[in-house]
Amino acid sequence: MLFKFIGKFYFKLIGWKVIGEVPENDKYVFIVAPHTSQIDFLMGIMYCAVEGLKPKILIKKEAFFFPIGKILRSIGGVPVDRITNRHLADELIKEFNSHEKFVLNIAPEGTRKLVTRWKKGFYHIATAANVPICLSFIDYKTKTIGSGPLLYPTGNYAEDLKIIKDFYRDMEGKHRDRFSVGD
């Protein structure tokens, strides 16, 4: 309850609105875009506090140094070695299959830098685990943060990605020049 109050206070203080509804589903992949700044992480943590979410969050392993690593793990952080962790998607699919409730938070761009091709892992995980993808956002243009629609993967990656990118098309990250839907 305290964290929810802190989150609401934080957004009110900075003049942002929380919109949309968090899915009632017990399992889903929770993608967040645009992701262009380190402050997006704080915004996401505050959003989760407001909504009572406790997702697993993929974070580069370099961030897990003492004492920050303990804090990151306590809020659902999962260290990822982006060089050697070739089987991460398979491990996450197993996590979905072995838990009654499991929400996984992923930035589809995979980085805060400008990319024109998004990572496919979030889609592969959702498809293999047979769970929907929740399109959530941090839009600096409208000063809104929230959850959009659920997308149930059809298995046609190109068509589903077009729907996903259309949802994010007019949104802006903190650093506008670092976000692209990559047409």
C-alpha atoms as a PDB file:
ATOM      1  CA  MET A   1       0.000   0.000   0.000  1.00  0.00           C
ATOM      2  CA  LEU A   2       2.853   2.377   0.823  1.00  0.00           C
ATOM      3  CA  PHE A   3       4.528   1.726  -2.543  1.00  0.00           C
ATOM      4  CA  LYS A   4       1.262   2.375  -4.361  1.00  0.00           C
ATOM      5  CA  PHE A   5       0.921   5.712  -2.558  1.00  0.00           C
ATOM      6  CA  ILE A   6       4.548   6.605  -3.369  1.00  0.00           C
ATOM      7  CA  GLY A   7       4.004   5.731  -7.037  1.00  0.00           C
ATOM      8  CA  LYS A   8       0.836   7.810  -7.297  1.00  0.00           C
ATOM      9  CA  PHE A   9       2.519  10.713  -5.527  1.00  0.00           C
ATOM     10  CA  TYR A  10       5.526  10.474  -7.846  1.00  0.00           C
ATOM     11  CA  PHE A  11       3.400  10.669 -10.999  1.00  0.00           C
ATOM     12  CA  LYS A  12       1.313  13.519  -9.613  1.00  0.00           C
ATOM     13  CA  LEU A  13       4.490  15.381  -8.662  1.00  0.00           C
ATOM     14  CA  ILE A  14       5.955  15.130 -12.163  1.00  0.00           C
ATOM     15  CA  GLY A  15       2.619  15.815 -13.889  1.00  0.00           C
ATOM     16  CA  TRP A  16       2.092  12.400 -15.489  1.00  0.00           C
ATOM     17  CA  LYS A  17      -1.055  10.293 -15.819  1.00  0.00           C
ATOM     18  CA  VAL A  18      -1.398   6.539 -15.452  1.00  0.00           C
ATOM     19  CA  ILE A  19      -3.869   5.221 -18.055  1.00  0.00           C
ATOM     20  CA  GLY A  20      -5.164   1.905 -19.287  1.00  0.00           C
ATOM     21  CA  GLU A  21      -5.859  -1.240 -17.348  1.00  0.00           C
ATOM     22  CA  VAL A  22      -3.459  -3.954 -16.344  1.00  0.00           C
ATOM     23  CA  PRO A  23      -4.535  -7.336 -17.704  1.00  0.00           C
ATOM     24  CA  GLU A  24      -6.242  -9.695 -15.302  1.00  0.00           C
ATOM     25  CA  ASN A  25      -4.368 -12.583 -16.925  1.00  0.00           C
ATOM     26  CA  ASP A  26      -2.055 -14.543 -14.647  1.00  0.00           C
ATOM     27  CA  LYS A  27       0.591 -14.880 -17.351  1.00  0.00           C
ATOM     28  CA  TYR A  28       1.757 -12.527 -20.071  1.00  0.00           C
ATOM     29  CA  VAL A  29       4.771 -10.849 -21.603  1.00  0.00           C
ATOM     30  CA  PHE A  30       4.717  -7.173 -20.669  1.00  0.00           C
ATOM     31  CA  ILE A  31       6.602  -5.171 -23.304  1.00  0.00           C
ATOM     32  CA  VAL A  32       7.485  -1.533 -22.667  1.00  0.00           C
ATOM     33  CA  ALA A  33       8.349   1.053 -25.309  1.00  0.00           C
ATOM     34  CA  PRO A  34       9.712   3.572 -26.016  1.00  0.00           C
ATOM     35  CA  HIS A  35      12.759   2.800 -23.857  1.00  0.00           C
ATOM     36  CA  THR A  36      15.311   5.563 -24.447  1.00  0.00           C
ATOM     37  CA  SER A  37      16.527   6.644 -21.008  1.00  0.00           C
ATOM     38  CA  GLN A  38      17.646   5.220 -17.679  1.00  0.00           C
ATOM     39  CA  ILE A  39      14.799   7.159 -16.037  1.00  0.00           C
ATOM     40  CA  ASP A  40      12.385   4.810 -17.847  1.00  0.00           C
ATOM     41  CA  PHE A  41      13.364   2.137 -15.330  1.00  0.00           C
ATOM     42  CA  LEU A  42      12.278   4.322 -12.406  1.00  0.00           C
ATOM     43  CA  MET A  43       9.089   5.233 -14.245  1.00  0.00           C
ATOM     44  CA  GLY A  44       8.384   1.541 -14.797  1.00  0.00           C
ATOM     45  CA  ILE A  45       9.027   0.667 -11.153  1.00  0.00           C
ATOM     46  CA  MET A  46       6.655   3.430 -10.027  1.00  0.00           C
ATOM     47  CA  TYR A  47       4.039   2.254 -12.530  1.00  0.00           C
ATOM     48  CA  CYS A  48       4.292  -1.313 -11.222  1.00  0.00           C
ATOM     49  CA  ALA A  49       3.890   0.005  -7.666  1.00  0.00           C
ATOM     50  CA  VAL A  50       0.741   1.908  -8.625  1.00  0.00           C
ATOM     51  CA  GLU A  51      -0.739  -1.126 -10.392  1.00  0.00           C
ATOM     52  CA  GLY A  52       0.439  -3.725  -7.879  1.00  0.00           C
ATOM     53  CA  LEU A  53       2.497  -5.568 -10.496  1.00  0.00           C
ATOM     54  CA  LYS A  54       5.531  -7.693  -9.680  1.00  0.00           C
ATOM     55  CA  PRO A  55       6.967  -8.681 -13.048  1.00  0.00           C
ATOM     56  CA  LYS A  56      10.299 -10.299 -13.725  1.00  0.00           C
ATOM     57  CA  ILE A  57      12.476  -7.673 -15.400  1.00  0.00           C
ATOM     58  CA  LEU A  58      15.363  -8.528 -17.722  1.00  0.00           C
ATOM     59  CA  ILE A  59      18.346  -6.293 -16.913  1.00  0.00           C
ATOM     60  CA  LYS A  60      21.909  -6.449 -18.231  1.00  0.00           C
ATOM     61  CA  LYS A  61      24.137  -8.310 -15.767  1.00  0.00           C
ATOM     62  CA  GLU A  62      26.529  -5.367 -15.456  1.00  0.00           C
ATOM     63  CA  ALA A  63      23.921  -3.550 -13.331  1.00  0.00           C
ATOM     64  CA  PHE A  64      24.010  -6.255 -10.646  1.00  0.00           C
ATOM     65  CA  PHE A  65      26.876  -4.991  -8.499  1.00  0.00           C
ATOM     66  CA  PHE A  66      26.740  -4.665  -4.702  1.00  0.00           C
ATOM     67  CA  PRO A  67      24.489  -3.271  -3.236  1.00  0.00           C
ATOM     68  CA  ILE A  68      22.386  -2.411  -6.322  1.00  0.00           C
ATOM     69  CA  GLY A  69      22.179  -6.082  -7.341  1.00  0.00           C
ATOM     70  CA  LYS A  70      20.273  -6.979  -4.168  1.00  0.00           C
ATOM     71  CA  ILE A  71      17.794  -4.169  -4.775  1.00  0.00           C
ATOM     72  CA  LEU A  72      17.307  -5.145  -8.424  1.00  0.00           C
ATOM     73  CA  ARG A  73      16.661  -8.784  -7.505  1.00  0.00           C
ATOM     74  CA  SER A  74      14.174  -7.742  -4.810  1.00  0.00           C
ATOM     75  CA  ILE A  75      12.059  -5.926  -7.409  1.00  0.00           C
ATOM     76  CA  GLY A  76      12.123  -8.819  -9.885  1.00  0.00           C
ATOM     77  CA  GLY A  77      15.359  -8.116 -11.727  1.00  0.00           C
ATOM     78  CA  VAL A  78      16.854 -11.000 -13.682  1.00  0.00           C
ATOM     79  CA  PRO A  79      20.513 -10.537 -14.726  1.00  0.00           C
ATOM     80  CA  VAL A  80      21.097 -11.187 -18.416  1.00  0.00           C
ATOM     81  CA  ASP A  81      24.467 -11.815 -20.025  1.00  0.00           C
ATOM     82  CA  ARG A  82      23.795 -10.451 -23.468  1.00  0.00           C
ATOM     83  CA  ILE A  83      26.857 -12.188 -24.930  1.00  0.00           C
ATOM     84  CA  THR A  84      26.706 -15.762 -23.627  1.00  0.00           C
ATOM     85  CA  ASN A  85      23.078 -16.292 -22.583  1.00  0.00           C
ATOM     86  CA  ARG A  86      21.914 -18.023 -25.756  1.00  0.00           C
ATOM     87  CA  HIS A  87      19.225 -20.109 -24.031  1.00  0.00           C
ATOM     88  CA  LEU A  88      17.543 -17.351 -22.036  1.00  0.00           C
ATOM     89  CA  ALA A  89      14.311 -17.536 -24.047  1.00  0.00           C
ATOM     90  CA  ASP A  90      14.065 -21.290 -23.423  1.00  0.00           C
ATOM     91  CA  GLU A  91      14.635 -20.746 -19.690  1.00  0.00           C
ATOM     92  CA  LEU A  92      11.922 -18.085 -19.574  1.00  0.00           C
ATOM     93  CA  ILE A  93       9.466 -20.325 -21.417  1.00  0.00           C
ATOM     94  CA  LYS A  94      10.101 -22.978 -18.742  1.00  0.00           C
ATOM     95  CA  GLU A  95       9.385 -20.338 -16.075  1.00  0.00           C
ATOM     96  CA  PHE A  96       6.042 -19.541 -17.695  1.00  0.00           C
ATOM     97  CA  ASN A  97       5.179 -23.226 -17.848  1.00  0.00           C
ATOM     98  CA  SER A  98       6.154 -23.949 -14.240  1.00  0.00           C
ATOM     99  CA  HIS A  99       4.322 -21.077 -12.498  1.00  0.00           C
ATOM    100  CA  GLU A 100       0.636 -20.350 -12.071  1.00  0.00           C
ATOM    101  CA  LYS A 101       1.377 -16.618 -12.243  1.00  0.00           C
ATOM    102  CA  PHE A 102       4.235 -15.166 -14.219  1.00  0.00           C
ATOM    103  CA  VAL A 103       4.611 -11.726 -15.810  1.00  0.00           C
ATOM    104  CA  LEU A 104       7.753 -10.934 -17.773  1.00  0.00           C
ATOM    105  CA  ASN A 105       8.739  -7.341 -18.544  1.00  0.00           C
ATOM    106  CA  ILE A 106      10.855  -6.801 -21.673  1.00  0.00           C
ATOM    107  CA  ALA A 107      11.884  -3.730 -23.675  1.00  0.00           C
ATOM    108  CA  PRO A 108      11.457  -4.971 -27.272  1.00  0.00           C
ATOM    109  CA  GLU A 109      14.174  -2.625 -28.539  1.00  0.00           C
ATOM    110  CA  GLY A 110      16.646  -4.429 -26.259  1.00  0.00           C
ATOM    111  CA  THR A 111      18.559  -1.217 -25.507  1.00  0.00           C
ATOM    112  CA  ARG A 112      18.141   2.504 -24.850  1.00  0.00           C
ATOM    113  CA  LYS A 113      20.035   3.313 -28.054  1.00  0.00           C
ATOM    114  CA  LEU A 114      18.370   3.855 -31.418  1.00  0.00           C
ATOM    115  CA  VAL A 115      17.583   0.591 -33.185  1.00  0.00           C
ATOM    116  CA  THR A 116      15.555   0.070 -36.329  1.00  0.00           C
ATOM    117  CA  ARG A 117      15.011  -3.665 -35.793  1.00  0.00           C
ATOM    118  CA  TRP A 118      13.451  -4.798 -32.538  1.00  0.00           C
ATOM    119  CA  LYS A 119      14.520  -8.004 -30.818  1.00  0.00           C
ATOM    120  CA  LYS A 120      12.333 -11.054 -31.490  1.00  0.00           C
ATOM    121  CA  GLY A 121      12.761 -12.698 -28.080  1.00  0.00           C
ATOM    122  CA  PHE A 122       9.614 -11.249 -26.504  1.00  0.00           C
ATOM    123  CA  TYR A 123       7.518 -12.627 -29.373  1.00  0.00           C
ATOM    124  CA  HIS A 124       9.210 -16.017 -29.381  1.00  0.00           C
ATOM    125  CA  ILE A 125       8.704 -16.373 -25.622  1.00  0.00           C
ATOM    126  CA  ALA A 126       5.032 -15.358 -25.755  1.00  0.00           C
ATOM    127  CA  THR A 127       4.320 -17.672 -28.679  1.00  0.00           C
ATOM    128  CA  ALA A 128       6.115 -20.696 -27.201  1.00  0.00           C
ATOM    129  CA  ALA A 129       4.604 -20.154 -23.732  1.00  0.00           C
ATOM    130  CA  ASN A 130       1.154 -19.566 -25.282  1.00  0.00           C
ATOM    131  CA  VAL A 131       0.674 -16.255 -23.446  1.00  0.00           C
ATOM    132  CA  PRO A 132      -0.446 -12.831 -24.675  1.00  0.00           C
ATOM    133  CA  ILE A 133       1.717  -9.749 -25.042  1.00  0.00           C
ATOM    134  CA  CYS A 134       0.626  -6.639 -23.130  1.00  0.00           C
ATOM    135  CA  LEU A 135       1.558  -3.459 -24.989  1.00  0.00           C
ATOM    136  CA  SER A 136       2.605  -1.022 -22.271  1.00  0.00           C
ATOM    137  CA  PHE A 137       4.157   2.367 -22.794  1.00  0.00           C
ATOM    138  CA  ILE A 138       5.986   5.392 -21.436  1.00  0.00           C
ATOM    139  CA  ASP A 139       5.006   8.313 -23.690  1.00  0.00           C
ATOM    140  CA  TYR A 140       6.878  11.531 -22.938  1.00  0.00           C
ATOM    141  CA  LYS A 141       4.911  13.455 -25.583  1.00  0.00           C
ATOM    142  CA  THR A 142       1.602  13.012 -23.734  1.00  0.00           C
ATOM    143  CA  LYS A 143       3.144  12.467 -20.263  1.00  0.00           C
ATOM    144  CA  THR A 144       1.284   9.179 -19.916  1.00  0.00           C
ATOM    145  CA  ILE A 145       2.330   5.738 -18.784  1.00  0.00           C
ATOM    146  CA  GLY A 146       0.203   2.656 -18.846  1.00  0.00           C
ATOM    147  CA  SER A 147      -0.989  -0.563 -20.357  1.00  0.00           C
ATOM    148  CA  GLY A 148      -2.524  -0.866 -23.763  1.00  0.00           C
ATOM    149  CA  PRO A 149      -4.186  -3.825 -25.403  1.00  0.00           C
ATOM    150  CA  LEU A 150      -3.252  -7.477 -25.186  1.00  0.00           C
ATOM    151  CA  LEU A 151      -2.000  -9.053 -28.374  1.00  0.00           C
ATOM    152  CA  TYR A 152      -2.356 -12.803 -28.697  1.00  0.00           C
ATOM    153  CA  PRO A 153       0.437 -13.935 -31.026  1.00  0.00           C
ATOM    154  CA  THR A 154      -0.836 -15.597 -34.174  1.00  0.00           C
ATOM    155  CA  GLY A 155       2.503 -17.118 -35.123  1.00  0.00           C
ATOM    156  CA  ASN A 156       2.810 -14.672 -38.028  1.00  0.00           C
ATOM    157  CA  TYR A 157       5.615 -12.535 -36.630  1.00  0.00           C
ATOM    158  CA  ALA A 158       5.639  -9.954 -39.426  1.00  0.00           C
ATOM    159  CA  GLU A 159       1.905  -9.249 -39.205  1.00  0.00           C
ATOM    160  CA  ASP A 160       1.824  -9.201 -35.406  1.00  0.00           C
ATOM    161  CA  LEU A 161       4.881  -6.916 -35.259  1.00  0.00           C
ATOM    162  CA  LYS A 162       3.160  -4.505 -37.635  1.00  0.00           C
ATOM    163  CA  ILE A 163       0.214  -4.278 -35.199  1.00  0.00           C
ATOM    164  CA  ILE A 164       2.585  -3.789 -32.267  1.00  0.00           C
ATOM    165  CA  LYS A 165       4.622  -1.085 -33.991  1.00  0.00           C
ATOM    166  CA  ASP A 166       1.464   0.710 -35.164  1.00  0.00           C
ATOM    167  CA  PHE A 167       0.439   0.954 -31.505  1.00  0.00           C
ATOM    168  CA  TYR A 168       3.730   2.685 -30.616  1.00  0.00           C
ATOM    169  CA  ARG A 169       4.099   4.712 -33.831  1.00  0.00           C
ATOM    170  CA  ASP A 170       3.157   8.156 -32.447  1.00  0.00           C
ATOM    171  CA  MET A 171       4.750   7.766 -29.026  1.00  0.00           C
ATOM    172  CA  GLU A 172       7.937   9.512 -27.971  1.00  0.00           C
ATOM    173  CA  GLY A 173      10.690   8.467 -25.629  1.00  0.00           C
ATOM    174  CA  LYS A 174      12.532  10.867 -23.368  1.00  0.00           C
ATOM    175  CA  HIS A 175      15.160  11.039 -26.112  1.00  0.00           C
ATOM    176  CA  ARG A 176      13.078  11.260 -29.306  1.00  0.00           C
ATOM    177  CA  ASP A 177      16.049  10.543 -31.545  1.00  0.00           C
ATOM    178  CA  ARG A 178      16.548   7.129 -29.898  1.00  0.00           C
ATOM    179  CA  PHE A 179      13.151   5.603 -30.726  1.00  0.00           C
ATOM    180  CA  SER A 180      12.027   4.146 -34.019  1.00  0.00           C
ATOM    181  CA  VAL A 181       9.414   1.646 -35.046  1.00  0.00           C
ATOM    182  CA  GLY A 182      11.815   0.865 -37.886  1.00  0.00           C
ATOM    183  CA  ASP A 183       9.648   0.966 -40.982  1.00  0.00           C
END
